[in-house]
Amino acid sequence: MKFLFTHYLFFVICTTTFVNSQTIKSGEKLTFAGSYNMSGLMTQLAQVTLSTENVTTPKNKYLHLSCELATYRKWDSFFRIRDIYESYVNPITLKPTLYKRSIDEGGWTKKEKYVFKDITVNSTSKTKNRPETQKTFTIGSATQDVISLLYKVRTIDFSKFKEGQTQNLTIVFDEKQIPVTLKYMGTETVNAGNLGKKECYKLSIGAKTDALKGKDKNLIWLTADDKKIPTLLKFSIPVGTGQLILTSASGI
């Protein structure tokens, strides 16, 4: 289970074919049940919550994107996880200004902060029992953090994609740029929690990393409408397979 969600977040993607990001609103909350394959059975172990809110400072307005992962309490004695990912972005372009990551997995902790300025990132990282480190590195102009890209993918007009069409893109994670490939696989009907059954775009995600395994084994389904709500995610990582299933959506 360790780093399960951390690894799977590589599914987030970026493209140059975006529509207006007004589909991402403040006040949205999406809740998922996270399951992991244990001894051949898909077992629910954790809850993942995605939320958005407007934040105003004396100089700027931001959209605060948050992702929280927590194991259910009955599993905490087995392996306790409390992870928080946050991104502060331009409300229209979703370009990040600040990214924060706080990891607590089985007693292993890590805190990260990225400050974006054009193509430069100033990062601060602190891992348990190790000194804090600082680093400055450059990224491509379209590269973003994993949380802002998780939302930006929902602004892509998939109605113009042909089945099998692919697109190359890039994310920044662990102070590295990572190439990612998105493949459009058509549409399927999926149960979407309190939203009922929904026709969804089916996408396959590949990345040049050992975190994901198998061809077309890492998949995401987004509702085939203007909101493109993620309803189902399946992943294959070195230590097994799992999925995230949407249980409730509000403020959309």
Protein backbone atom coordinates (compact mmCIF):
# COMPACT_ATOMS: atom_id res chain seq x y z
CA MET A 1 0.00 0.00 0.00
CA LYS A 2 2.96 2.33 0.61
CA PHE A 3 3.09 5.21 -1.89
CA LEU A 4 0.08 3.67 -3.74
CA PHE A 5 -1.65 6.99 -4.31
CA THR A 6 1.59 8.89 -4.71
CA HIS A 7 2.52 6.64 -7.61
CA TYR A 8 -0.90 6.70 -9.20
CA LEU A 9 -1.04 10.49 -9.35
CA PHE A 10 1.18 10.22 -12.43
CA PHE A 11 -2.04 9.74 -14.41
CA VAL A 12 -2.58 13.50 -14.41
CA ILE A 13 -1.84 15.00 -17.80
CA CYS A 14 -1.33 18.17 -19.82
CA THR A 15 -2.00 19.15 -23.44
CA THR A 16 -1.90 22.19 -25.68
CA THR A 17 -5.54 21.68 -26.74
CA PHE A 18 -7.40 23.16 -23.76
CA VAL A 19 -10.81 24.78 -23.62
CA ASN A 20 -11.61 27.51 -21.11
CA SER A 21 -11.06 26.25 -17.56
CA GLN A 22 -14.36 27.68 -16.26
CA THR A 23 -15.48 24.04 -15.90
CA ILE A 24 -13.38 23.97 -12.71
CA LYS A 25 -15.37 25.82 -10.06
CA SER A 26 -14.78 26.76 -6.46
CA GLY A 27 -16.75 24.66 -3.98
CA GLU A 28 -16.45 21.37 -5.83
CA LYS A 29 -15.96 18.22 -3.74
CA LEU A 30 -15.34 14.72 -5.10
CA THR A 31 -15.02 11.68 -2.83
CA PHE A 32 -13.59 8.33 -3.89
CA ALA A 33 -13.27 4.91 -2.28
CA GLY A 34 -9.76 3.56 -2.79
CA SER A 35 -9.33 -0.20 -3.13
CA TYR A 36 -6.28 -2.45 -3.39
CA ASN A 37 -6.06 -6.04 -4.60
CA MET A 38 -5.30 -8.16 -1.54
CA SER A 39 -5.03 -11.94 -2.08
CA GLY A 40 -7.15 -11.70 -5.21
CA LEU A 41 -9.89 -9.56 -3.67
CA MET A 42 -10.38 -5.83 -4.29
CA THR A 43 -10.51 -4.45 -0.73
CA GLN A 44 -11.54 -0.89 0.19
CA LEU A 45 -8.77 0.64 2.29
CA ALA A 46 -8.89 4.42 1.94
CA GLN A 47 -10.83 7.55 1.05
CA VAL A 48 -9.60 10.15 -1.42
CA THR A 49 -11.16 13.63 -1.40
CA LEU A 50 -10.64 16.31 -4.06
CA SER A 51 -11.86 19.84 -3.34
CA THR A 52 -11.60 23.38 -4.71
CA GLU A 53 -11.94 26.83 -3.16
CA ASN A 54 -11.18 30.45 -4.06
CA VAL A 55 -8.37 32.16 -2.16
CA THR A 56 -7.73 35.92 -2.28
CA THR A 57 -4.50 37.63 -1.21
CA PRO A 58 -3.76 41.39 -1.24
CA LYS A 59 -2.17 40.96 -4.70
CA ASN A 60 -3.87 38.03 -6.44
CA LYS A 61 -6.76 35.64 -6.62
CA TYR A 62 -6.12 31.89 -6.74
CA LEU A 63 -8.02 28.65 -7.03
CA HIS A 64 -6.89 26.31 -4.26
CA LEU A 65 -6.88 22.66 -5.36
CA SER A 66 -6.64 20.05 -2.63
CA CYS A 67 -6.31 16.27 -2.63
CA GLU A 68 -6.43 14.32 0.64
CA LEU A 69 -5.84 10.59 1.08
CA ALA A 70 -6.55 8.75 4.33
CA THR A 71 -6.82 5.06 5.12
CA TYR A 72 -9.98 4.04 6.93
CA ARG A 73 -9.34 3.87 10.67
CA LYS A 74 -9.79 0.09 10.82
CA TRP A 75 -6.75 -0.20 8.54
CA ASP A 76 -4.58 2.33 10.37
CA SER A 77 -2.99 -0.33 12.57
CA PHE A 78 -2.01 -2.23 9.41
CA PHE A 79 -0.65 0.74 7.46
CA ARG A 80 -1.72 4.31 8.27
CA ILE A 81 -1.73 6.91 5.47
CA ARG A 82 -2.48 10.62 5.76
CA ASP A 83 -1.39 12.46 2.59
CA ILE A 84 -2.27 15.99 1.45
CA TYR A 85 -1.46 17.51 -1.95
CA GLU A 86 -2.24 21.20 -2.62
CA SER A 87 -1.85 23.55 -5.55
CA TYR A 88 -2.61 27.28 -5.81
CA VAL A 89 -3.33 28.16 -9.43
CA ASN A 90 -4.56 30.94 -11.71
CA PRO A 91 -8.38 30.49 -11.73
CA ILE A 92 -8.55 30.80 -15.54
CA THR A 93 -5.36 29.18 -16.89
CA LEU A 94 -4.77 26.77 -13.96
CA LYS A 95 -1.08 27.66 -14.10
CA PRO A 96 0.43 26.92 -10.67
CA THR A 97 2.09 29.43 -8.37
CA LEU A 98 2.55 27.21 -5.31
CA TYR A 99 2.50 23.43 -4.80
CA LYS A 100 2.67 21.68 -1.42
CA ARG A 101 2.84 18.02 -0.52
CA SER A 102 2.65 16.48 2.97
CA ILE A 103 3.16 12.72 3.22
CA ASP A 104 2.66 10.49 6.28
CA GLU A 105 2.69 6.82 5.27
CA GLY A 106 3.37 4.16 7.86
CA GLY A 107 5.40 6.62 9.94
CA TRP A 108 7.49 7.76 6.96
CA THR A 109 7.03 11.49 6.45
CA LYS A 110 7.96 14.00 3.78
CA LYS A 111 7.06 17.64 3.16
CA GLU A 112 7.64 19.46 -0.13
CA LYS A 113 6.98 22.98 -1.39
CA TYR A 114 7.43 24.27 -4.94
CA VAL A 115 7.30 27.98 -5.76
CA PHE A 116 6.80 28.57 -9.50
CA LYS A 117 8.07 31.63 -11.35
CA ASP A 118 7.87 31.38 -15.14
CA ILE A 119 10.02 28.32 -15.99
CA THR A 120 11.89 28.31 -12.67
CA VAL A 121 10.92 26.29 -9.61
CA ASN A 122 12.32 26.88 -6.13
CA SER A 123 11.76 23.75 -4.08
CA THR A 124 12.08 22.91 -0.39
CA SER A 125 12.00 19.31 0.80
CA LYS A 126 12.14 17.72 4.26
CA THR A 127 12.16 13.95 4.79
CA LYS A 128 11.94 12.29 8.19
CA ASN A 129 15.28 12.19 10.05
CA ARG A 130 17.05 14.11 7.26
CA PRO A 131 18.03 17.79 6.94
CA GLU A 132 15.86 20.12 4.88
CA THR A 133 17.10 20.61 1.32
CA GLN A 134 16.55 23.44 -1.15
CA LYS A 135 16.89 23.35 -4.91
CA THR A 136 16.27 25.56 -7.94
CA PHE A 137 15.55 23.96 -11.31
CA THR A 138 13.93 24.80 -14.63
CA ILE A 139 10.90 23.25 -16.30
CA GLY A 140 9.16 23.56 -19.64
CA SER A 141 6.63 26.36 -20.07
CA ALA A 142 3.69 23.88 -20.16
CA THR A 143 4.88 21.73 -17.25
CA GLN A 144 2.78 21.82 -14.08
CA ASP A 145 2.51 20.05 -10.76
CA VAL A 146 0.48 16.87 -10.44
CA ILE A 147 -2.57 18.40 -8.74
CA SER A 148 -3.09 21.31 -11.14
CA LEU A 149 -2.77 18.88 -14.04
CA LEU A 150 -5.29 16.56 -12.45
CA TYR A 151 -7.79 19.38 -12.95
CA LYS A 152 -6.46 20.74 -16.21
CA VAL A 153 -7.02 17.43 -17.98
CA ARG A 154 -10.72 18.07 -17.45
CA THR A 155 -10.56 21.08 -19.76
CA ILE A 156 -9.55 19.00 -22.80
CA ASP A 157 -12.18 18.63 -25.52
CA PHE A 158 -12.12 14.83 -25.93
CA SER A 159 -15.04 14.95 -28.35
CA LYS A 160 -12.44 15.84 -31.00
CA PHE A 161 -10.20 12.84 -30.23
CA LYS A 162 -10.17 9.71 -32.36
CA GLU A 163 -9.91 6.29 -30.75
CA GLY A 164 -6.26 5.38 -30.32
CA GLN A 165 -5.08 8.99 -30.61
CA THR A 166 -2.12 9.76 -28.35
CA GLN A 167 -0.48 12.89 -27.06
CA ASN A 168 2.82 13.44 -25.28
CA LEU A 169 3.04 15.73 -22.24
CA THR A 170 5.10 16.43 -19.11
CA ILE A 171 4.62 16.69 -15.34
CA VAL A 172 6.98 17.71 -12.54
CA PHE A 173 7.21 15.38 -9.55
CA ASP A 174 9.94 14.76 -6.96
CA GLU A 175 11.89 17.67 -8.53
CA LYS A 176 11.97 15.90 -11.89
CA GLN A 177 10.20 16.36 -15.22
CA ILE A 178 8.47 13.15 -16.29
CA PRO A 179 7.18 12.47 -19.82
CA VAL A 180 3.61 11.14 -19.93
CA THR A 181 1.54 9.74 -22.81
CA LEU A 182 -2.24 9.93 -22.97
CA LYS A 183 -4.25 7.58 -25.21
CA TYR A 184 -7.94 8.05 -25.94
CA MET A 185 -9.80 4.69 -25.91
CA GLY A 186 -13.37 5.70 -26.71
CA THR A 187 -16.41 5.87 -24.42
CA GLU A 188 -17.99 3.51 -21.88
CA THR A 189 -20.87 3.74 -19.41
CA VAL A 190 -19.71 3.78 -15.79
CA ASN A 191 -21.42 3.99 -12.39
CA ALA A 192 -20.64 7.46 -10.99
CA GLY A 193 -21.75 7.35 -7.35
CA ASN A 194 -24.59 9.76 -6.58
CA LEU A 195 -24.51 10.96 -10.21
CA GLY A 196 -25.86 7.61 -11.42
CA LYS A 197 -24.69 5.88 -14.59
CA LYS A 198 -22.73 8.15 -16.92
CA GLU A 199 -21.25 7.86 -20.39
CA CYS A 200 -17.54 8.46 -19.91
CA TYR A 201 -14.37 9.05 -21.91
CA LYS A 202 -11.92 6.20 -21.31
CA LEU A 203 -8.24 7.15 -21.25
CA SER A 204 -5.03 5.17 -20.86
CA ILE A 205 -2.02 6.79 -19.17
CA GLY A 206 1.59 5.81 -19.67
CA ALA A 207 4.67 7.41 -18.12
CA LYS A 208 8.43 6.99 -18.41
CA THR A 209 8.69 5.84 -14.82
CA ASP A 210 8.82 2.54 -12.94
CA ALA A 211 5.82 3.69 -10.87
CA LEU A 212 3.29 2.41 -13.44
CA LYS A 213 3.24 -1.09 -14.92
CA GLY A 214 1.59 -2.74 -17.93
CA LYS A 215 0.25 -1.55 -21.27
CA ASP A 216 -3.19 0.07 -21.01
CA LYS A 217 -3.40 -1.04 -17.36
CA ASN A 218 -3.58 2.49 -15.92
CA LEU A 219 -6.92 3.98 -16.86
CA ILE A 220 -9.26 6.85 -16.02
CA TRP A 221 -12.88 7.45 -16.96
CA LEU A 222 -14.20 11.05 -17.20
CA THR A 223 -17.86 11.93 -17.71
CA ALA A 224 -18.46 12.70 -21.39
CA ASP A 225 -19.82 16.19 -20.76
CA ASP A 226 -18.51 19.69 -20.08
CA LYS A 227 -17.60 18.90 -16.46
CA LYS A 228 -15.53 15.75 -17.18
CA ILE A 229 -15.82 14.43 -13.64
CA PRO A 230 -13.44 11.53 -12.91
CA THR A 231 -15.62 8.52 -12.03
CA LEU A 232 -13.28 5.53 -12.05
CA LEU A 233 -9.51 5.07 -11.99
CA LYS A 234 -7.66 1.78 -12.29
CA PHE A 235 -3.94 1.43 -11.74
CA SER A 236 -1.17 -1.14 -11.92
CA ILE A 237 1.99 -0.49 -9.90
CA PRO A 238 4.99 -2.69 -9.00
CA VAL A 239 3.36 -3.98 -5.80
CA GLY A 240 -0.11 -4.73 -7.20
CA THR A 241 -3.29 -3.28 -8.65
CA GLY A 242 -6.09 -1.10 -7.35
CA GLN A 243 -8.82 1.37 -8.19
CA LEU A 244 -10.57 4.56 -7.12
CA ILE A 245 -14.36 4.69 -7.45
CA LEU A 246 -16.35 7.93 -7.23
CA THR A 247 -18.83 7.69 -4.35
CA SER A 248 -20.12 11.27 -4.19
CA ALA A 249 -19.85 14.56 -6.07
CA SER A 250 -21.12 17.97 -4.93
CA GLY A 251 -20.73 21.59 -5.98
CA ILE A 252 -20.16 20.63 -9.62
